[in-house]
Protein backbone atom coordinates (compact mmCIF):
# COMPACT_ATOMS: atom_id res chain seq x y z
CA GLY A 1 22.55 22.55 -16.67
CA LYS A 2 20.70 21.07 -13.34
CA ARG A 3 17.99 20.20 -16.02
CA LEU A 4 20.22 19.20 -18.34
CA LEU A 5 22.35 16.91 -15.52
CA ARG A 6 20.17 15.72 -12.89
CA ARG A 7 22.95 17.33 -10.74
CA PRO A 8 24.25 20.74 -10.26
CA LEU A 9 26.68 22.09 -11.39
CA SER A 10 30.08 22.75 -9.75
CA GLU A 11 31.53 26.24 -9.48
CA ALA A 12 34.99 24.92 -12.01
CA GLU A 13 31.62 23.55 -14.25
CA LEU A 14 29.75 27.17 -14.15
CA GLU A 15 32.96 29.07 -14.49
CA LEU A 16 33.45 27.02 -17.56
CA TYR A 17 30.01 26.94 -19.27
CA LEU A 18 30.12 30.98 -18.89
CA GLU A 19 33.50 30.87 -20.12
CA GLY A 20 32.55 28.66 -23.41
CA ALA A 21 29.30 31.42 -23.44
CA GLY A 22 31.25 34.44 -24.43
CA VAL A 23 31.14 38.05 -24.51
CA LEU A 24 27.33 38.54 -22.93
CA GLY A 25 27.44 42.70 -22.40
CA THR A 26 25.28 42.81 -25.76
CA PRO A 27 21.63 41.22 -26.88
CA GLU A 28 23.18 39.36 -29.74
CA GLY A 29 26.42 38.42 -27.56
CA PHE A 30 23.72 36.93 -24.50
CA SER A 31 21.71 35.40 -27.13
CA GLU A 32 24.73 33.70 -28.61
CA GLY A 33 26.26 32.66 -25.37
CA VAL A 34 23.12 30.79 -24.48
CA VAL A 35 22.69 28.93 -27.66
CA ARG A 36 26.36 28.32 -27.44
CA VAL A 37 25.96 26.78 -23.82
CA VAL A 38 22.78 24.89 -24.45
CA ALA A 39 24.18 23.07 -27.53
CA THR A 40 27.57 22.03 -25.40
CA LEU A 41 25.41 21.29 -21.84
CA LEU A 42 23.20 18.86 -25.05
CA GLN A 43 26.63 16.99 -25.67
CA SER A 44 27.93 16.59 -22.42
CA PRO A 45 28.59 12.96 -21.97
CA GLU A 46 26.52 13.45 -18.49
CA PHE A 47 23.02 14.55 -20.31
CA LEU A 48 23.55 11.38 -23.08
CA TYR A 49 24.04 8.97 -20.27
CA ARG A 50 23.26 8.25 -17.00
CA PHE A 51 26.44 8.69 -14.34
CA GLU A 52 26.34 6.30 -11.31
CA ARG A 53 27.89 8.29 -8.67
CA THR A 54 27.39 7.18 -5.44
CA ALA A 55 28.21 9.37 -2.16
CA ALA A 56 31.61 9.23 -1.01
CA ASP A 57 31.02 9.44 2.46
CA GLY A 58 29.80 5.71 1.86
CA ALA A 59 26.08 6.36 2.86
CA PRO A 60 23.95 3.46 2.54
CA LEU A 61 21.82 4.62 -0.03
CA PRO A 62 23.41 6.47 -2.94
CA SER A 63 23.55 10.78 -3.89
CA PRO A 64 20.31 12.43 -3.74
CA TRP A 65 21.28 13.36 -7.83
CA VAL A 66 21.39 9.73 -8.44
CA LEU A 67 18.34 8.36 -6.74
CA ALA A 68 16.64 10.86 -8.11
CA SER A 69 17.35 10.24 -11.78
CA ARG A 70 17.19 5.96 -10.44
CA LEU A 71 13.75 6.32 -9.86
CA SER A 72 12.49 8.66 -12.55
CA PHE A 73 14.29 7.05 -15.24
CA LEU A 74 12.07 3.87 -13.59
CA LEU A 75 9.04 5.33 -13.01
CA TRP A 76 8.93 7.20 -15.71
CA GLY A 77 11.36 6.87 -17.91
CA SER A 78 12.29 10.01 -18.44
CA VAL A 79 14.64 13.45 -16.36
CA PRO A 80 13.23 13.64 -13.08
CA ASP A 81 10.56 17.06 -12.49
CA PRO A 82 12.00 20.04 -10.51
CA MET A 83 10.54 19.16 -7.30
CA LEU A 84 12.52 15.68 -7.86
CA LEU A 85 15.29 17.66 -8.34
CA ASP A 86 14.10 20.16 -5.77
CA ALA A 87 13.93 16.98 -2.81
CA ALA A 88 17.74 15.83 -4.30
CA GLY A 89 19.73 19.29 -3.45
CA GLY A 90 17.03 19.57 -0.25
CA ASN A 91 18.00 16.82 1.27
CA ALA A 92 14.30 14.83 0.85
CA LEU A 93 15.29 11.82 -0.40
CA ALA A 94 17.79 10.66 2.85
CA THR A 95 16.24 8.21 4.30
CA PRO A 96 14.13 5.02 2.56
CA ALA A 97 10.71 6.94 3.26
CA ASP A 98 11.79 9.48 1.46
CA VAL A 99 12.45 7.61 -1.21
CA GLU A 100 9.22 5.41 -1.01
CA ARG A 101 7.00 8.83 -0.46
CA GLU A 102 8.79 10.59 -3.86
CA ALA A 103 8.08 7.12 -5.80
CA ARG A 104 4.33 7.30 -4.61
CA ARG A 105 4.28 10.84 -6.33
CA LEU A 106 6.65 9.33 -9.00
CA LEU A 107 3.73 6.80 -9.32
CA ALA A 108 0.46 8.74 -8.52
CA ASP A 109 1.35 10.90 -11.75
CA ASN A 110 0.03 9.65 -15.61
CA ARG A 111 3.86 9.26 -16.72
CA ALA A 112 4.03 6.23 -14.87
CA ARG A 113 1.95 4.91 -16.70
CA ARG A 114 3.80 5.26 -19.63
CA GLY A 115 7.19 3.72 -17.87
CA LEU A 116 6.00 1.00 -16.50
CA LEU A 117 5.07 -0.32 -18.80
CA HIS A 118 8.53 0.44 -21.13
CA PHE A 119 10.04 -1.46 -18.08
CA TYR A 120 7.66 -4.62 -18.93
CA LEU A 121 7.28 -4.85 -22.77
CA GLN A 122 11.43 -4.03 -22.56
CA TRP A 123 11.39 -6.88 -19.85
CA LEU A 124 9.50 -9.24 -21.69
CA GLU A 125 11.07 -8.86 -24.72
CA LEU A 126 7.65 -7.33 -27.22
CA SER A 127 8.89 -4.13 -27.61
CA ASP A 128 9.79 -5.58 -31.04
CA PHE A 129 6.13 -8.34 -30.92
CA SER A 130 5.37 -6.51 -34.57
CA GLN A 131 8.92 -8.62 -35.76
CA VAL A 132 7.96 -11.71 -34.54
CA GLU A 133 6.92 -14.24 -37.16
CA LYS A 134 6.20 -18.17 -36.65
CA ASP A 135 5.68 -20.82 -39.66
CA ARG A 136 2.73 -20.69 -41.37
CA VAL A 137 2.99 -24.04 -42.10
CA LEU A 138 3.38 -25.23 -38.71
CA LEU A 139 1.10 -22.80 -36.80
CA SER A 140 -1.36 -22.10 -40.45
CA ARG A 141 -4.07 -19.72 -38.62
CA TRP A 142 -0.93 -17.30 -38.03
CA ASP A 143 -1.31 -13.93 -39.27
CA ASP A 144 -0.32 -10.24 -38.98
CA GLU A 145 -3.44 -9.90 -37.51
CA LEU A 146 -3.09 -12.76 -34.78
CA ARG A 147 -0.07 -11.19 -34.14
CA ASP A 148 -0.83 -8.08 -33.56
CA GLU A 149 -3.58 -9.04 -31.29
CA LEU A 150 -1.47 -11.42 -29.00
CA GLY A 151 0.17 -7.88 -28.72
CA ARG A 152 -2.70 -5.77 -27.35
CA GLU A 153 -3.97 -8.77 -25.52
CA THR A 154 -0.19 -8.51 -23.79
CA THR A 155 -0.17 -5.07 -23.22
CA ARG A 156 -3.40 -5.06 -21.76
CA PHE A 157 -3.22 -6.99 -19.70
CA LEU A 158 -0.03 -5.56 -17.91
CA GLU A 159 -1.83 -2.25 -18.09
CA ALA A 160 -4.67 -4.28 -15.82
CA ILE A 161 -2.11 -5.72 -13.76
CA LEU A 162 -0.47 -3.21 -12.75
CA TRP A 163 -2.79 -0.12 -12.81
CA GLU A 164 -6.57 -2.04 -11.61
CA ASP A 165 -5.43 -4.98 -9.78
CA ASP A 166 -3.11 -5.35 -7.29
CA ALA A 167 0.21 -4.26 -9.19
CA ARG A 168 2.62 -7.70 -7.85
CA PHE A 169 4.95 -10.15 -9.47
CA GLU A 170 2.72 -13.32 -8.18
CA THR A 171 -0.79 -11.57 -9.86
CA LEU A 172 1.19 -10.83 -13.88
CA MET A 173 2.30 -14.73 -13.78
CA THR A 174 -0.74 -16.27 -12.13
CA ALA A 175 -3.52 -14.17 -13.06
CA PRO A 176 -6.47 -16.66 -13.99
CA TYR A 177 -7.82 -14.42 -16.42
CA THR A 178 -7.12 -12.65 -20.13
CA PHE A 179 -8.26 -9.42 -22.44
CA ALA A 180 -9.52 -12.19 -25.60
CA ASN A 181 -10.82 -10.38 -28.68
CA ALA A 182 -13.06 -12.89 -31.17
CA VAL A 183 -9.33 -13.49 -33.01
CA LEU A 184 -7.91 -14.02 -30.29
CA SER A 185 -11.36 -16.55 -28.76
CA ASP A 186 -11.38 -18.42 -31.65
CA PHE A 187 -7.08 -19.41 -31.33
CA TYR A 188 -7.41 -20.15 -28.05
CA GLU A 189 -10.32 -22.07 -29.27
CA LEU A 190 -12.50 -19.98 -25.65
CA PRO A 191 -16.29 -20.51 -25.73
């Protein structure tokens, strides 16, 4: 439950899930009960959607469970790993320095490449770039190959800014370089 809902279950929730499991006294009953509990968890709105609960005491940071979820989905595009859940449960996301430490840990993982690239592709509305069409009469050079190369160029540019350059927004907007192959060099009329 903790992994799927990204927070610990309350005692009342635990009782409900155990009640839903049925009779667990036999190996068959145990197996069926586990299937029922997992199926119920997988249908929970809290599994399917991210609920943004905040700390009830008015703390400046959201609850540690919300922070763990936000960090993980922002940087990895996925659920928190056990270490991040342990940090949330152990009050190790209580300060901005704690959050920064965990964010840096997540960024050091290869999953951050996919998650951050996905964020930028959505932000720049490039997720469906393969569907972009131009008026081929007005832009006679436009074809599927050019469109595909432009998409690859942008993805490669983003990867370079994020992982090889300084990862700054200013660099993203003003970098004086690109990744043009022969098709794009011709299109851009580069030497």
